[in-house]
Amino acid sequence: MAGFDVLTRGDALDAALQARDYLVSCGVPGALAAKDPRLWGRRTVDHSRLGWLDLPFASHGLLNQIEGLVAEARYSGLDHIVLIGIGAETLAAQAIVEAHSPAGRPLAVQTAGGTPGVPADDQGAGRSGELTVLDGADIAALMFALERLDRTLVVLSSKAGVSLEGDAYRRIFSAAFREHGLSEREIAGRFLVITDHGSPLHDFARQCGYRVGLTDPYLPGHYGALSAYGLVPAMLAGGDVYQLLDEAAALVPSLAREDENPGLLLGAVLGGCAQQGPGGFPRDKVVVREPAGPSALSAWISQLLAVGTGKRGRGVLAFEPPGSPGPSPDMHAVALNPTAATGADADTSLWAPLGGQFLVWEYATTVAGWLLGVNPFEPGGPVVQDAEDDAATILRAAGTGPLMAGEPAFVDGDIEIHTDLAHTGGTGLDAALGDLLSRIPANGYLSVVTYLSGDFSGRYLAPALSRRTGRPVSYGPGPGYLHATGPVHKEGPGNGAFLIVTGDMADDHPVPGRPYTLGKLQLARAVAEVRALRQRGLPVLRLHLRDPAEAAGRLAEAARST
């Protein structure tokens, strides 16, 4: 079909063709077209779990409903949208804003640990819009947003209750609006909540007088890119979501077919390779390549695959190129809309506009999950929530005092080294890092998660660590990254090693009405995740940078050392 295509080759093609034939013989394409949930067992009768297949058409009604809100916001000069959420609730909206500016106008995007995009034009109500995503405790992104308070509408997005970070940011913005002279009624008008009907956040938002956009409680959160979670913030920020839905709708007819079905072929590639790759290793690590480099779309794909397939000792984990070594028997390179340079050595290439990308990856993840024997619609569940609950417990125990983050095993200059690994090569940073890397299995990977404010992220460490180990390195800022991909790390194959980087926050920010700051919250989150990973027997090293600006350079040098 014009505009959509999947091309695969080599060993991946052999696995894909076998898997596709098996899927067709089992009637999977027809069952999905009929939205038959019994694909996952006779007792599975919840048809709404497959409602995401209807969103390219059903969501047009949603857009008609919020056009008035968009017009009101623009009339009031509110063209800076602050999106508060973690994981799927923010990544889809960010990807839409990055890709779908109307009439080719650029939209500005500011994210935790990142820098603003191309500034929007400054023509009052005609501005194309800005989106600031707050998915952690990053001070840099928060200060960027607070500088635009006059133009700011806050969107709080969550399928359940308010996360620790969501509560903190809501309190900070409420206090900032109050200091700015807004009345309580005016402050309530600056908040929009997107949540499931009947969720704890729904009740809370009504009590606060916030405007509420409700979604289907049975729609899996990681399948909500074309629902209110992805569309409403993007539309408020100026993204052309009508075009996005049209792109997705153009793909729908092909998903009902057994042949020339890009979703079926991509799912067969992912699931077939993850079952068995060359050399006996499951080919369950996907390197996602884009012509302009990693984007929010890559991150969205990563969380979709992690939550959809990371269960029962199985799962597909996506990586971005800076952390991927050369070809390996357990790795599979997928190029999105490739050019000659980015698609030259890819195992699989996928051509589709963004709306089609969302839908084809959702379909493919469903198919891959079926092949792997897991239900892709089950949420992350305890593996995600338990770590947040533990962080809340840590914060309550600390009260107004210091956080009980544990004593370091040893200190090397301005870097605290927290580890329970047995060390054989000394007590310095190089030895600790070497010990962690030595514990990566032959078919394993390293994950770098940074709980730091500002621009430093695992992206700067990934290439060196990948070259050093010959294994792929995933990375992202906490807590959003582990929240989004936690299921595959904690309930998947169990072959990961984890480097967690925390640090003292130079310009910390208090949380009104709470006995902690953003920096304290950030550290509690990191400590809780370390505990969760260790409880599952995974090797973890936490490095705490007492002076992040100086120590980051030392850490980068240690990563490069051989």
Protein backbone atom coordinates (compact mmCIF):
# COMPACT_ATOMS: atom_id res chain seq x y z
CA MET A 1 0.00 0.00 0.00
CA ALA A 2 1.31 3.44 -0.91
CA GLY A 3 3.01 5.15 1.99
CA PHE A 4 3.42 1.99 4.08
CA ASP A 5 5.94 -0.76 3.61
CA VAL A 6 8.05 -3.23 5.57
CA LEU A 7 11.19 -4.72 4.06
CA THR A 8 13.21 -7.35 5.87
CA ARG A 9 16.13 -9.50 4.77
CA GLY A 10 18.69 -12.11 5.78
CA ASP A 11 18.08 -14.30 8.82
CA ALA A 12 15.33 -11.95 9.98
CA LEU A 13 13.41 -12.63 6.78
CA ASP A 14 13.55 -16.40 7.30
CA ALA A 15 12.24 -16.06 10.86
CA ALA A 16 9.56 -13.58 9.77
CA LEU A 17 8.20 -15.74 6.95
CA GLN A 18 7.95 -18.80 9.17
CA ALA A 19 6.24 -16.79 11.91
CA ARG A 20 3.87 -15.09 9.47
CA ASP A 21 2.77 -18.40 7.97
CA TYR A 22 2.14 -19.72 11.48
CA LEU A 23 0.12 -16.62 12.40
CA VAL A 24 -2.03 -16.98 9.30
CA SER A 25 -2.58 -20.70 9.86
CA CYS A 26 -3.75 -19.93 13.41
CA GLY A 27 -6.16 -17.27 12.20
CA VAL A 28 -4.53 -14.40 14.09
CA PRO A 29 -5.07 -11.67 11.43
CA GLY A 30 -8.75 -12.53 11.13
CA ALA A 31 -9.23 -12.66 14.90
CA LEU A 32 -7.64 -9.24 15.31
CA ALA A 33 -9.76 -7.81 12.51
CA ALA A 34 -12.83 -9.14 14.36
CA LYS A 35 -11.44 -7.83 17.66
CA ASP A 36 -11.70 -11.29 19.20
CA PRO A 37 -9.93 -11.26 22.59
CA ARG A 38 -10.06 -15.06 22.81
CA LEU A 39 -6.69 -15.06 21.10
CA TRP A 40 -5.37 -14.93 24.67
CA GLY A 41 -7.57 -17.68 26.09
CA ARG A 42 -11.19 -18.69 26.16
CA ARG A 43 -11.85 -16.77 29.35
CA THR A 44 -10.59 -13.54 27.85
CA VAL A 45 -13.78 -11.75 26.82
CA ASP A 46 -12.82 -8.09 27.23
CA HIS A 47 -13.31 -6.74 23.70
CA SER A 48 -12.41 -3.20 24.79
CA ARG A 49 -8.76 -4.19 25.10
CA LEU A 50 -8.68 -4.14 21.30
CA GLY A 51 -10.46 -0.79 21.02
CA TRP A 52 -7.22 0.89 19.98
CA LEU A 53 -7.83 -0.52 16.50
CA ASP A 54 -10.82 1.85 16.18
CA LEU A 55 -9.05 4.99 17.40
CA PRO A 56 -8.03 6.33 13.95
CA PHE A 57 -11.74 6.93 13.37
CA ALA A 58 -13.26 7.13 16.86
CA SER A 59 -10.84 9.84 18.04
CA HIS A 60 -12.19 12.34 15.50
CA GLY A 61 -15.13 12.81 17.86
CA LEU A 62 -12.68 13.66 20.65
CA LEU A 63 -11.00 16.31 18.52
CA ASN A 64 -14.32 17.96 17.79
CA GLN A 65 -14.95 18.15 21.54
CA ILE A 66 -11.67 19.86 22.38
CA GLU A 67 -11.57 22.37 19.53
CA GLY A 68 -13.43 24.79 21.80
CA LEU A 69 -10.85 24.31 24.55
CA VAL A 70 -8.03 24.97 22.10
CA ALA A 71 -9.72 28.13 20.83
CA GLU A 72 -10.28 29.32 24.40
CA ALA A 73 -6.67 28.67 25.33
CA ARG A 74 -5.38 30.56 22.30
CA TYR A 75 -7.74 33.48 22.95
CA SER A 76 -6.37 33.65 26.50
CA GLY A 77 -2.79 33.54 25.23
CA LEU A 78 -2.11 30.06 26.64
CA ASP A 79 0.10 28.48 24.02
CA HIS A 80 2.71 26.94 26.30
CA ILE A 81 1.55 23.48 27.36
CA VAL A 82 3.20 21.80 30.34
CA LEU A 83 2.55 18.06 30.17
CA ILE A 84 3.03 16.21 33.45
CA GLY A 85 3.12 12.43 33.32
CA ILE A 86 5.40 9.43 33.08
CA GLY A 87 5.85 6.95 30.25
CA ALA A 88 3.25 6.37 27.58
CA GLU A 89 1.14 9.31 28.72
CA THR A 90 3.82 11.78 27.59
CA LEU A 91 5.92 10.10 24.90
CA ALA A 92 3.19 9.90 22.26
CA ALA A 93 2.23 13.56 22.67
CA GLN A 94 5.86 14.59 22.49
CA ALA A 95 6.38 12.59 19.29
CA ILE A 96 3.31 14.20 17.70
CA VAL A 97 4.46 17.72 18.54
CA GLU A 98 7.95 16.98 17.22
CA ALA A 99 6.60 15.75 13.90
CA HIS A 100 3.25 17.44 13.24
CA SER A 101 3.49 21.21 13.24
CA PRO A 102 0.75 22.76 11.08
CA ALA A 103 1.77 24.18 7.72
CA GLY A 104 5.32 23.08 8.32
CA ARG A 105 5.86 25.48 11.22
CA PRO A 106 8.24 24.19 13.87
CA LEU A 107 6.97 23.57 17.39
CA ALA A 108 9.23 23.95 20.38
CA VAL A 109 9.63 20.95 22.68
CA GLN A 110 11.41 21.03 26.04
CA THR A 111 11.98 17.79 27.90
CA ALA A 112 13.64 16.69 31.08
CA GLY A 113 17.36 16.50 30.50
CA GLY A 114 17.07 18.18 27.11
CA THR A 115 17.10 21.51 25.40
CA PRO A 116 14.32 23.44 23.72
CA GLY A 117 13.54 22.76 20.12
CA VAL A 118 13.31 25.44 17.45
CA PRO A 119 11.49 28.43 18.98
CA ALA A 120 7.94 29.00 17.85
CA ASP A 121 7.05 32.20 16.08
CA ASP A 122 6.00 35.02 18.38
CA GLN A 123 2.80 36.37 16.91
CA GLY A 124 0.47 36.32 19.91
CA ALA A 125 -2.57 34.13 19.31
CA GLY A 126 -0.98 32.88 16.10
CA ARG A 127 1.91 31.14 17.83
CA SER A 128 2.44 27.58 16.72
CA GLY A 129 2.89 26.46 20.31
CA GLU A 130 5.32 25.00 22.80
CA LEU A 131 5.26 21.78 24.77
CA THR A 132 7.27 21.20 27.94
CA VAL A 133 7.28 17.62 29.19
CA LEU A 134 7.91 17.03 32.89
CA ASP A 135 8.27 13.31 33.56
CA GLY A 136 10.73 13.33 36.44
CA ALA A 137 12.23 15.74 38.91
CA ASP A 138 14.35 17.74 36.48
CA ILE A 139 14.95 21.30 37.61
CA ALA A 140 16.13 22.61 34.22
CA ALA A 141 12.89 21.72 32.44
CA LEU A 142 10.84 23.03 35.38
CA MET A 143 12.59 26.41 35.37
CA PHE A 144 12.06 26.65 31.61
CA ALA A 145 8.35 26.20 32.21
CA LEU A 146 8.07 28.59 35.16
CA GLU A 147 9.61 31.36 33.06
CA ARG A 148 6.55 31.11 30.79
CA LEU A 149 3.89 31.16 33.49
CA ASP A 150 1.73 33.83 31.80
CA ARG A 151 1.28 31.57 28.76
CA THR A 152 1.06 28.22 30.55
CA LEU A 153 -1.70 25.62 30.66
CA VAL A 154 -0.81 22.54 32.71
CA VAL A 155 -1.99 19.11 31.53
CA LEU A 156 -1.81 16.37 34.16
CA SER A 157 -1.99 12.98 32.45
CA SER A 158 -2.34 9.62 34.18
CA LYS A 159 -4.48 6.51 33.85
CA ALA A 160 -4.64 6.00 37.60
CA GLY A 161 -3.69 8.30 40.46
CA VAL A 162 -1.20 11.13 40.69
CA SER A 163 2.41 9.99 40.74
CA LEU A 164 4.85 11.40 43.27
CA GLU A 165 6.27 13.66 40.57
CA GLY A 166 2.82 14.62 39.35
CA ASP A 167 1.82 15.67 42.85
CA ALA A 168 5.04 17.64 43.29
CA TYR A 169 4.74 19.51 40.00
CA ARG A 170 1.04 20.23 40.54
CA ARG A 171 1.84 21.78 43.91
CA ILE A 172 4.72 23.81 42.47
CA PHE A 173 2.63 25.23 39.64
CA SER A 174 -0.34 25.94 41.90
CA ALA A 175 1.92 27.90 44.25
CA ALA A 176 3.56 29.72 41.35
CA PHE A 177 0.17 30.73 39.88
CA ARG A 178 -0.92 31.89 43.33
CA GLU A 179 2.19 34.03 43.78
CA HIS A 180 1.50 35.42 40.32
CA GLY A 181 -1.77 36.82 41.60
CA LEU A 182 -4.26 34.30 40.21
CA SER A 183 -7.36 33.45 42.23
CA GLU A 184 -8.12 29.86 43.19
CA ARG A 185 -10.74 29.72 40.45
CA GLU A 186 -8.28 31.06 37.90
CA ILE A 187 -5.66 28.55 39.06
CA ALA A 188 -8.14 25.70 38.57
CA GLY A 189 -8.72 26.97 35.05
CA ARG A 190 -5.01 26.58 34.30
CA PHE A 191 -5.17 22.80 34.83
CA LEU A 192 -6.54 20.11 32.56
CA VAL A 193 -6.56 16.49 33.73
CA ILE A 194 -6.61 13.54 31.32
CA THR A 195 -7.46 10.30 33.05
CA ASP A 196 -9.70 7.25 33.02
CA HIS A 197 -13.34 7.50 33.98
CA GLY A 198 -13.65 6.59 37.65
CA SER A 199 -9.91 6.67 38.40
CA PRO A 200 -8.58 8.16 41.68
CA LEU A 201 -7.26 11.09 39.66
CA HIS A 202 -10.74 11.66 38.21
CA ASP A 203 -12.21 12.13 41.70
CA PHE A 204 -9.30 14.31 42.82
CA ALA A 205 -9.56 16.56 39.76
CA ARG A 206 -13.27 17.11 40.31
CA GLN A 207 -12.64 18.10 43.93
CA CYS A 208 -10.05 20.65 42.77
CA GLY A 209 -12.34 22.10 40.12
CA TYR A 210 -10.00 21.16 37.27
CA ARG A 211 -11.26 20.50 33.78
CA VAL A 212 -11.23 16.79 33.07
CA GLY A 213 -10.89 14.83 29.84
CA LEU A 214 -11.94 11.22 30.35
CA THR A 215 -10.75 8.13 28.53
CA ASP A 216 -11.77 4.49 28.36
CA PRO A 217 -10.53 2.74 31.53
CA TYR A 218 -10.15 -0.52 29.58
CA LEU A 219 -7.85 0.95 26.93
CA PRO A 220 -4.28 -0.16 27.75
CA GLY A 221 -2.18 2.90 28.53
CA HIS A 222 0.68 1.83 26.29
CA TYR A 223 -1.82 1.58 23.41
CA GLY A 224 -3.15 5.11 23.91
CA ALA A 225 -1.09 7.12 21.42
CA LEU A 226 -4.15 7.87 19.30
CA SER A 227 -6.38 8.48 22.34
CA ALA A 228 -6.76 11.57 24.51
CA TYR A 229 -3.41 10.84 26.16
CA GLY A 230 -1.49 11.52 22.97
CA LEU A 231 -3.86 13.78 21.06
CA VAL A 232 -5.13 16.37 23.56
CA PRO A 233 -1.75 17.76 24.73
CA ALA A 234 -0.43 17.71 21.16
CA MET A 235 -3.48 19.54 19.81
CA LEU A 236 -3.25 22.15 22.57
CA ALA A 237 0.42 22.67 21.66
CA GLY A 238 -0.48 23.21 18.01
CA GLY A 239 0.15 19.77 16.53
CA ASP A 240 -1.85 18.76 13.46
CA VAL A 241 -3.61 15.76 14.99
CA TYR A 242 -6.22 15.59 12.21
CA GLN A 243 -3.45 14.72 9.78
CA LEU A 244 -2.10 12.20 12.27
CA LEU A 245 -5.43 10.35 12.47
CA ASP A 246 -5.76 10.40 8.68
CA GLU A 247 -2.34 8.78 8.42
CA ALA A 248 -3.38 6.04 10.84
CA ALA A 249 -6.75 5.54 9.14
CA ALA A 250 -5.01 4.98 5.79
CA LEU A 251 -3.27 1.94 7.30
CA VAL A 252 -6.40 0.30 8.73
CA PRO A 253 -7.60 -1.57 5.58
CA SER A 254 -4.29 -3.40 5.23
CA LEU A 255 -4.46 -4.63 8.84
CA ALA A 256 -7.51 -6.74 7.97
CA ARG A 257 -5.57 -8.73 5.36
CA GLU A 258 -3.35 -11.78 5.57
CA ASP A 259 -1.03 -10.60 2.81
CA GLU A 260 0.54 -7.17 2.33
CA ASN A 261 -0.16 -6.45 5.98
CA PRO A 262 2.76 -4.38 7.31
CA GLY A 263 1.69 -4.81 10.93
CA LEU A 264 1.54 -8.59 10.59
CA LEU A 265 4.95 -8.76 8.92
CA LEU A 266 6.60 -6.45 11.45
CA GLY A 267 5.06 -8.42 14.32
CA ALA A 268 6.23 -11.65 12.74
CA VAL A 269 9.75 -10.22 12.47
CA LEU A 270 9.80 -9.08 16.11
CA GLY A 271 8.19 -12.17 17.59
CA GLY A 272 9.84 -14.69 15.29
CA CYS A 273 13.32 -13.31 15.92
CA ALA A 274 12.71 -13.05 19.68
CA GLN A 275 11.81 -16.74 19.81
CA GLN A 276 14.98 -17.94 18.17
CA GLY A 277 17.82 -16.14 16.43
CA PRO A 278 21.02 -17.33 14.72
CA GLY A 279 23.51 -18.96 17.05
CA GLY A 280 20.83 -20.14 19.49
CA PHE A 281 20.26 -16.74 21.14
CA PRO A 282 16.81 -15.19 21.05
CA ARG A 283 17.06 -12.14 18.81
CA ASP A 284 15.15 -10.03 21.30
CA LYS A 285 17.06 -6.73 21.17
CA VAL A 286 15.90 -4.19 18.60
CA VAL A 287 18.03 -1.23 17.55
CA VAL A 288 15.70 1.54 16.33
CA ARG A 289 17.30 3.93 13.83
CA GLU A 290 15.88 7.20 12.54
CA PRO A 291 17.39 9.49 9.89
CA ALA A 292 17.65 12.47 12.26
CA GLY A 293 18.68 10.42 15.28
CA PRO A 294 16.71 9.24 18.31
CA SER A 295 13.41 10.98 18.97
CA ALA A 296 10.34 10.66 21.16
CA LEU A 297 9.02 8.11 18.65
CA SER A 298 11.98 5.82 19.38
CA ALA A 299 11.32 6.18 23.11
CA TRP A 300 7.61 5.47 22.61
CA ILE A 301 8.41 2.31 20.63
CA SER A 302 10.77 1.22 23.40
CA GLN A 303 8.12 1.53 26.13
CA LEU A 304 5.41 -0.09 23.97
CA LEU A 305 7.56 -3.16 23.33
CA ALA A 306 8.75 -3.31 26.95
CA VAL A 307 5.29 -3.19 28.50
CA GLY A 308 3.65 -5.26 25.77
CA THR A 309 6.15 -8.13 25.73
CA GLY A 310 8.10 -7.94 29.01
CA LYS A 311 6.44 -10.75 30.95
CA ARG A 312 7.06 -14.33 32.11
CA GLY A 313 10.78 -14.27 31.38
CA ARG A 314 10.31 -12.98 27.84
CA GLY A 315 10.40 -9.61 26.16
CA VAL A 316 11.74 -7.38 23.41
CA LEU A 317 13.92 -4.44 24.40
CA ALA A 318 14.58 -1.52 22.05
CA PHE A 319 17.84 0.43 21.94
CA GLU A 320 18.94 3.65 20.28
CA PRO A 321 22.04 3.77 18.04
CA PRO A 322 24.49 5.56 20.37
CA GLY A 323 24.33 2.53 22.66
CA SER A 324 24.42 -0.24 20.08
CA PRO A 325 27.57 -2.09 18.98
CA GLY A 326 28.04 -3.77 15.62
CA PRO A 327 26.01 -6.74 14.38
CA SER A 328 25.34 -9.43 16.99
CA PRO A 329 23.36 -12.72 16.89
CA ASP A 330 20.85 -11.42 19.47
CA MET A 331 20.29 -8.00 17.90
CA HIS A 332 17.98 -6.82 15.15
CA ALA A 333 18.26 -3.38 13.50
CA VAL A 334 15.03 -1.65 12.45
CA ALA A 335 15.24 1.56 10.39
CA LEU A 336 12.28 3.96 10.42
CA ASN A 337 11.68 5.79 7.13
CA PRO A 338 15.31 5.14 6.26
CA THR A 339 17.58 7.04 3.96
CA ALA A 340 20.40 5.34 2.11
CA ALA A 341 22.68 5.95 5.11
CA THR A 342 20.38 4.80 7.93
CA GLY A 343 18.91 1.81 6.11
CA ALA A 344 22.01 0.40 4.46
CA ASP A 345 22.72 -2.32 7.03
CA ALA A 346 19.31 -2.56 8.70
CA ASP A 347 17.73 -6.01 9.02
CA THR A 348 14.25 -4.51 8.67
CA SER A 349 13.08 -1.18 7.26
CA LEU A 350 9.69 0.39 7.91
CA TRP A 351 8.20 3.24 5.89
CA ALA A 352 5.16 5.01 7.35
CA PRO A 353 4.13 8.50 8.46
CA LEU A 354 3.83 9.06 12.21
CA GLY A 355 0.15 8.13 12.52
CA GLY A 356 0.88 4.91 10.67
CA GLN A 357 3.95 4.28 12.82
CA PHE A 358 1.84 4.42 15.97
CA LEU A 359 -0.74 1.97 14.65
CA VAL A 360 1.63 -0.44 12.93
CA TRP A 361 3.84 -0.75 16.04
CA GLU A 362 0.77 -1.32 18.25
CA TYR A 363 -0.41 -4.06 15.90
CA ALA A 364 3.09 -5.56 15.62
CA THR A 365 3.54 -5.59 19.40
CA THR A 366 0.22 -7.41 19.73
CA VAL A 367 1.32 -10.03 17.22
CA ALA A 368 4.78 -10.40 18.77
CA GLY A 369 3.24 -10.83 22.21
CA TRP A 370 0.96 -13.57 20.89
CA LEU A 371 3.93 -15.39 19.37
CA LEU A 372 5.83 -15.12 22.67
CA GLY A 373 2.86 -16.44 24.64
CA VAL A 374 2.19 -13.26 26.64
CA ASN A 375 -0.81 -10.95 26.85
CA PRO A 376 0.40 -7.58 25.51
CA PHE A 377 -2.50 -5.67 27.05
CA GLU A 378 -1.65 -6.39 30.65
CA PRO A 379 -0.20 -3.26 32.30
CA GLY A 380 3.20 -3.06 33.97
CA GLY A 381 1.44 -3.71 37.28
CA PRO A 382 3.44 -4.32 40.47
CA VAL A 383 6.83 -4.08 38.76
CA VAL A 384 6.14 -0.39 38.17
CA GLN A 385 3.93 0.51 41.13
CA ASP A 386 5.98 -1.26 43.80
CA ALA A 387 9.01 0.95 43.18
CA GLU A 388 6.89 4.11 43.46
CA ASP A 389 5.26 2.84 46.65
CA ASP A 390 8.71 2.10 48.09
CA ALA A 391 9.87 5.62 47.21
CA ALA A 392 6.85 7.05 49.06
CA THR A 393 7.73 4.92 52.08
CA ILE A 394 11.33 6.17 51.99
CA LEU A 395 10.12 9.77 51.89
CA ARG A 396 7.69 9.24 54.79
CA ALA A 397 10.42 7.64 56.88
CA ALA A 398 12.76 10.58 56.25
CA GLY A 399 10.19 13.25 57.13
CA THR A 400 11.97 16.57 57.33
CA GLY A 401 15.31 14.90 57.94
CA PRO A 402 17.88 13.45 55.55
CA LEU A 403 16.95 10.61 53.28
CA MET A 404 18.09 7.14 54.32
CA ALA A 405 19.83 6.33 51.05
CA GLY A 406 22.35 3.91 52.55
CA GLU A 407 26.05 4.30 53.20
CA PRO A 408 28.37 3.98 50.20
CA ALA A 409 30.53 0.90 49.98
CA PHE A 410 33.40 3.32 49.35
CA VAL A 411 34.10 6.81 48.02
CA ASP A 412 36.40 7.76 45.17
CA GLY A 413 36.97 11.51 45.29
CA ASP A 414 33.61 13.19 44.81
CA ILE A 415 31.82 10.00 43.71
CA GLU A 416 30.04 7.74 46.18
CA ILE A 417 29.94 4.11 45.11
CA HIS A 418 26.89 2.16 46.31
CA THR A 419 27.08 -1.52 45.48
CA ASP A 420 26.52 -4.97 46.91
CA LEU A 421 28.63 -6.65 44.24
CA ALA A 422 31.72 -8.57 45.34
CA HIS A 423 34.77 -6.58 44.26
CA THR A 424 38.04 -8.18 43.28
CA GLY A 425 39.89 -5.38 41.54
CA GLY A 426 40.07 -2.59 44.11
CA THR A 427 37.79 0.01 45.63
CA GLY A 428 37.87 2.83 43.08
CA LEU A 429 35.46 3.99 40.41
CA ASP A 430 37.22 2.09 37.63
CA ALA A 431 37.13 -1.16 39.61
CA ALA A 432 33.46 -0.79 40.53
CA LEU A 433 32.46 -0.04 36.95
CA GLY A 434 34.57 -2.94 35.69
CA ASP A 435 32.94 -5.31 38.15
CA LEU A 436 29.47 -4.29 36.95
CA LEU A 437 30.38 -4.67 33.27
CA SER A 438 31.87 -8.11 33.89
CA ARG A 439 28.46 -9.29 35.06
CA ILE A 440 26.71 -8.59 31.74
CA PRO A 441 25.80 -12.01 30.26
CA ALA A 442 26.98 -12.95 26.78
CA ASN A 443 23.45 -12.28 25.50
CA GLY A 444 22.76 -9.45 27.96
CA TYR A 445 22.82 -5.68 28.00
CA LEU A 446 23.61 -2.69 30.18
CA SER A 447 21.04 -0.07 31.16
CA VAL A 448 22.17 3.40 32.23
CA VAL A 449 19.62 5.48 34.14
CA THR A 450 20.48 9.01 35.26
CA TYR A 451 18.66 10.88 38.02
CA LEU A 452 20.32 14.21 37.33
CA SER A 453 18.99 17.64 36.49
CA GLY A 454 20.07 19.26 33.23
CA ASP A 455 21.62 17.98 30.05
CA PHE A 456 23.76 15.07 31.30
CA SER A 457 22.23 11.70 30.45
CA GLY A 458 23.18 8.14 29.71
CA ARG A 459 23.43 9.10 26.04
CA TYR A 460 26.91 10.46 26.78
CA LEU A 461 28.04 7.20 28.38
CA ALA A 462 26.36 4.69 26.09
CA PRO A 463 28.76 4.67 23.10
CA ALA A 464 31.86 4.19 25.21
CA LEU A 465 30.29 1.50 27.39
CA SER A 466 28.96 -0.32 24.35
CA ARG A 467 32.38 -0.31 22.67
CA ARG A 468 33.99 -1.48 25.90
CA THR A 469 31.63 -4.40 26.48
CA GLY A 470 30.55 -5.26 22.94
CA ARG A 471 26.99 -5.31 24.26
CA PRO A 472 24.06 -2.93 23.68
CA VAL A 473 23.42 -0.14 26.18
CA SER A 474 19.99 1.32 26.86
CA TYR A 475 19.69 4.65 28.61
CA GLY A 476 17.26 7.27 29.81
CA PRO A 477 16.46 9.74 32.59
CA GLY A 478 14.81 8.49 35.76
CA PRO A 479 12.23 7.84 36.90
CA GLY A 480 10.51 8.05 33.51
CA TYR A 481 12.75 5.55 31.72
CA LEU A 482 12.43 2.69 34.19
CA HIS A 483 8.73 3.47 34.63
CA ALA A 484 8.25 3.14 30.88
CA THR A 485 10.43 0.09 30.27
CA GLY A 486 10.46 -1.55 33.72
CA PRO A 487 8.46 -4.66 32.80
CA VAL A 488 11.03 -5.97 30.32
CA HIS A 489 13.89 -5.27 32.76
CA LYS A 490 12.21 -6.80 35.80
CA GLU A 491 9.90 -9.47 34.38
CA GLY A 492 11.63 -10.18 31.06
CA PRO A 493 14.66 -12.35 30.26
CA GLY A 494 16.55 -11.08 33.31
CA ASN A 495 19.85 -10.55 31.48
CA GLY A 496 20.41 -6.86 32.18
CA ALA A 497 22.95 -5.03 34.34
CA PHE A 498 22.17 -1.55 35.65
CA LEU A 499 24.18 1.61 36.22
CA ILE A 500 22.14 4.14 38.22
CA VAL A 501 23.62 7.65 38.44
CA THR A 502 22.36 10.10 41.06
CA GLY A 503 23.74 13.43 42.23
CA ASP A 504 23.36 16.38 44.54
CA MET A 505 21.05 18.98 43.04
CA ALA A 506 22.68 22.42 42.90
CA ASP A 507 19.46 24.45 42.58
CA ASP A 508 16.97 22.29 44.43
CA HIS A 509 13.30 23.24 44.57
CA PRO A 510 10.97 22.75 47.56
CA VAL A 511 7.65 20.98 47.09
CA PRO A 512 4.93 23.13 48.71
CA GLY A 513 3.04 21.28 51.43
CA ARG A 514 5.50 18.38 51.47
CA PRO A 515 8.53 17.84 53.74
CA TYR A 516 10.83 17.19 50.79
CA THR A 517 12.38 18.88 47.79
CA LEU A 518 12.51 17.71 44.17
CA GLY A 519 16.08 16.58 44.75
CA LYS A 520 15.07 14.47 47.73
CA LEU A 521 12.20 12.99 45.74
CA GLN A 522 14.53 12.21 42.88
CA LEU A 523 16.95 10.38 45.16
CA ALA A 524 14.15 8.42 46.84
CA ARG A 525 12.97 7.26 43.43
CA ALA A 526 16.47 6.10 42.49
CA VAL A 527 17.00 4.23 45.76
CA ALA A 528 13.64 2.49 45.38
CA GLU A 529 14.48 1.38 41.83
CA VAL A 530 17.87 0.06 42.96
CA ARG A 531 16.10 -2.00 45.62
CA ALA A 532 13.56 -3.34 43.13
CA LEU A 533 16.26 -4.42 40.70
CA ARG A 534 18.39 -6.07 43.40
CA GLN A 535 15.38 -7.94 44.76
CA ARG A 536 15.18 -9.61 41.36
CA GLY A 537 18.81 -10.66 41.54
CA LEU A 538 20.01 -8.20 38.91
CA PRO A 539 23.49 -6.60 39.16
CA VAL A 540 23.22 -2.91 40.06
CA LEU A 541 25.78 -0.18 40.67
CA ARG A 542 24.65 3.23 41.93
CA LEU A 543 27.07 6.12 41.62
CA HIS A 544 26.21 9.32 43.50
CA LEU A 545 27.95 12.42 42.18
CA ARG A 546 28.46 14.89 45.00
CA ASP A 547 29.40 17.54 42.45
CA PRO A 548 27.68 16.47 39.22
CA ALA A 549 29.26 19.17 37.08
CA GLU A 550 32.77 17.97 37.93
CA ALA A 551 32.15 14.27 38.55
CA ALA A 552 30.31 13.71 35.27
CA GLY A 553 33.57 14.22 33.41
CA ARG A 554 35.34 11.66 35.60
CA LEU A 555 32.54 9.18 35.02
CA ALA A 556 32.73 9.67 31.26
CA GLU A 557 36.49 9.11 31.37
CA ALA A 558 36.05 5.94 33.42
CA ALA A 559 33.51 4.66 30.90
CA ARG A 560 36.07 5.11 28.10
CA SER A 561 38.92 3.38 29.92
CA THR A 562 39.78 -0.17 28.89
